[in-house]
Amino acid sequence: MRWTRRLTMSLSLLLLLGYSACTTVPNSWNDDLRLVQSREDYVDKHPNEQFNKYIERGEVIRGMNFVQVSASWGLPETRRFSKDKKQEYWTFFGKDELSGDWTRYTFVFEQGALIDWQLDRHFAKNGALTNYQTPGGEPGSSLAGPPGSSSSGSDRP
C-alpha cells in the first residue's frame, strides 16, 4: 500500500514539473537533521523574510539569494561561473530511493538572485543508469517536484 501511494505521488509530481512555482528537495534531504535545523535557524533569525514559508518546506523559488537557497537546500555539490562572471551556477543531485533515478538540479544566479534552473533526469534500470533525459518545455518552468516529494506547489506567488 505504501509503495503504491509513493508511486502515485511521484507520477503526479512528474506531471506537474512544468506547471508550478518552486522546486523542492528530495525526501531523503528532509531526513538530514542538519539541513532541517538550518532551515529552522534561518527562519528564526529572519522572521519577516518573504521566502520563509518556502525555506521551511525545503523549497527554492526564483528571487531567493545565495543564503536563502543554502538555508533551504544546503550547500551545492558544485559551483561555477559563466565566462563573463555575470552568472553563477550551483548544482545539486537528488536520488529517488524507490526507483534509483537521479535528478541533477542546476540553479542559475545573477546579481546574487536565483533567476532560473535546469532539471536533468537520469533513469535507472536494474541498478544502473540507462538513459539520460532533459525534461522538455520551458527552461526553469517552475515546480520541479523531485521523485518522492509531496509538495504540490499549490501556493504559487
Protein backbone atom coordinates (compact mmCIF):
# COMPACT_ATOMS: atom_id res chain seq x y z
CA MET A 1 0.00 0.00 0.00
CA ARG A 2 2.76 2.43 0.94
CA TRP A 3 4.72 1.89 -2.29
CA THR A 4 1.53 2.43 -4.32
CA ARG A 5 0.96 5.78 -2.65
CA ARG A 6 4.59 6.82 -3.19
CA LEU A 7 4.46 5.76 -6.83
CA THR A 8 1.21 7.66 -7.38
CA MET A 9 2.65 10.77 -5.75
CA SER A 10 5.85 10.51 -7.78
CA LEU A 11 3.98 10.19 -11.06
CA SER A 12 1.65 13.07 -10.18
CA LEU A 13 4.58 15.31 -9.36
CA LEU A 14 6.36 14.46 -12.57
CA LEU A 15 3.29 15.68 -14.46
CA LEU A 16 3.43 18.95 -12.56
CA LEU A 17 7.05 19.69 -13.46
CA GLY A 18 6.25 22.46 -15.88
CA TYR A 19 3.31 23.99 -14.07
CA SER A 20 4.44 25.08 -10.65
CA ALA A 21 6.32 27.84 -8.90
CA CYS A 22 9.15 26.33 -6.90
CA THR A 23 11.40 23.35 -6.56
CA THR A 24 11.58 21.09 -3.52
CA VAL A 25 14.29 18.86 -2.15
CA PRO A 26 14.07 15.09 -2.44
CA ASN A 27 12.58 13.42 0.66
CA SER A 28 15.93 11.94 1.63
CA TRP A 29 17.21 15.50 2.19
CA ASN A 30 14.40 16.12 4.64
CA ASP A 31 15.84 13.29 6.75
CA ASP A 32 19.11 15.21 7.11
CA LEU A 33 18.78 16.77 10.56
CA ARG A 34 21.46 19.38 9.81
CA LEU A 35 19.51 20.61 6.81
CA VAL A 36 16.23 20.70 8.74
CA GLN A 37 17.99 22.60 11.54
CA SER A 38 19.49 25.02 9.00
CA ARG A 39 16.00 25.86 7.75
CA GLU A 40 14.67 26.37 11.26
CA ASP A 41 17.66 28.52 12.27
CA TYR A 42 17.32 30.74 9.21
CA VAL A 43 13.59 31.32 9.75
CA ASP A 44 14.11 32.00 13.48
CA LYS A 45 16.82 34.57 12.73
CA HIS A 46 14.89 36.21 9.85
CA PRO A 47 11.23 36.07 10.96
CA ASN A 48 9.90 38.56 8.41
CA GLU A 49 11.61 37.30 5.24
CA GLN A 50 9.30 36.82 2.24
CA PHE A 51 10.66 33.34 1.39
CA ASN A 52 10.39 31.76 4.86
CA LYS A 53 7.39 29.57 4.03
CA TYR A 54 9.35 28.06 1.14
CA ILE A 55 12.51 27.59 3.19
CA GLU A 56 10.55 25.83 5.95
CA ARG A 57 9.27 23.32 3.38
CA GLY A 58 12.67 22.86 1.72
CA GLU A 59 11.60 24.66 -1.43
CA VAL A 60 13.51 27.05 -3.67
CA ILE A 61 11.88 29.81 -5.71
CA ARG A 62 13.10 32.46 -8.13
CA GLY A 63 14.33 35.61 -6.42
CA MET A 64 15.99 33.85 -3.46
CA ASN A 65 19.57 34.82 -2.73
CA PHE A 66 22.53 32.51 -2.05
CA VAL A 67 21.92 32.40 1.70
CA GLN A 68 18.23 31.59 1.32
CA VAL A 69 18.89 28.78 -1.16
CA SER A 70 21.61 27.41 1.14
CA ALA A 71 19.24 27.56 4.13
CA SER A 72 16.62 25.60 2.20
CA TRP A 73 18.77 23.05 0.33
CA GLY A 74 22.23 23.22 1.93
CA LEU A 75 25.46 23.78 0.05
CA PRO A 76 25.67 22.75 -3.61
CA GLU A 77 27.73 19.86 -4.91
CA THR A 78 29.46 22.23 -7.34
CA ARG A 79 29.68 25.96 -8.05
CA ARG A 80 30.88 27.51 -11.29
CA PHE A 81 30.68 30.83 -13.12
CA SER A 82 29.88 31.88 -16.66
CA LYS A 83 32.85 33.08 -18.72
CA ASP A 84 31.82 36.70 -18.23
CA LYS A 85 31.31 36.09 -14.47
CA LYS A 86 27.78 37.51 -14.65
CA GLN A 87 26.11 34.23 -13.72
CA GLU A 88 26.87 31.66 -11.07
CA TYR A 89 25.69 28.05 -11.36
CA TRP A 90 25.01 25.77 -8.39
CA THR A 91 24.49 22.03 -8.90
CA PHE A 92 22.61 19.67 -6.58
CA PHE A 93 21.83 15.97 -7.04
CA GLY A 94 18.80 14.09 -5.70
CA LYS A 95 18.08 10.37 -5.78
CA ASP A 96 14.65 8.74 -5.84
CA GLU A 97 15.12 5.93 -3.31
CA LEU A 98 12.22 3.94 -4.80
CA SER A 99 13.35 3.82 -8.44
CA GLY A 100 17.05 4.64 -8.16
CA ASP A 101 16.63 7.52 -10.64
CA TRP A 102 18.79 10.62 -10.21
CA THR A 103 17.92 14.24 -10.86
CA ARG A 104 20.51 16.97 -11.32
CA TYR A 105 19.35 20.47 -10.43
CA THR A 106 21.39 23.35 -11.83
CA PHE A 107 20.46 26.73 -10.35
CA VAL A 108 21.37 29.94 -12.18
CA PHE A 109 22.08 33.07 -10.13
CA GLU A 110 22.55 36.57 -11.49
CA GLN A 111 23.48 39.53 -9.29
CA GLY A 112 23.09 37.26 -6.27
CA ALA A 113 19.49 36.21 -7.02
CA LEU A 114 18.15 32.91 -8.35
CA ILE A 115 16.79 33.55 -11.84
CA ASP A 116 16.31 30.07 -13.32
CA TRP A 117 17.14 26.36 -13.07
CA GLN A 118 17.50 23.26 -15.19
CA LEU A 119 16.49 19.70 -14.29
CA ASP A 120 18.23 16.73 -15.85
CA ARG A 121 16.89 13.25 -15.13
CA HIS A 122 18.91 10.04 -15.17
CA PHE A 123 16.77 6.91 -15.24
CA ALA A 124 17.85 3.67 -13.56
CA LYS A 125 17.15 0.12 -14.69
CA ASN A 126 18.34 -2.89 -12.71
CA GLY A 127 20.50 -0.64 -10.55
CA ALA A 128 22.33 1.04 -13.46
CA LEU A 129 21.67 4.39 -15.08
CA THR A 130 20.43 3.54 -18.56
CA ASN A 131 19.42 6.77 -20.20
CA TYR A 132 19.59 10.49 -19.77
CA GLN A 133 16.79 12.93 -20.38
CA THR A 134 16.46 16.66 -20.09
CA PRO A 135 12.81 17.49 -19.45
CA GLY A 136 11.20 19.45 -22.27
CA GLY A 137 9.19 22.62 -22.06
CA GLU A 138 10.25 26.00 -20.86
CA PRO A 139 13.66 26.06 -19.18
CA GLY A 140 13.18 26.57 -15.49
CA SER A 141 9.43 26.16 -15.60
CA SER A 142 8.82 26.19 -12.06
CA LEU A 143 7.72 23.30 -9.72
CA ALA A 144 10.25 20.71 -10.17
CA GLY A 145 8.89 18.22 -7.71
CA PRO A 146 11.55 15.57 -7.44
CA PRO A 147 10.53 11.95 -7.08
CA GLY A 148 9.01 11.20 -3.71
CA SER A 149 8.33 14.84 -2.94
CA SER A 150 4.90 15.63 -1.60
CA SER A 151 4.82 19.33 -2.50
CA SER A 152 2.17 20.34 -4.98
CA GLY A 153 3.19 23.96 -5.38
CA SER A 154 -0.36 24.99 -4.56
CA ASP A 155 0.59 28.35 -3.08
CA ARG A 156 2.46 29.82 -6.00
CA PRO A 157 3.31 33.50 -5.87
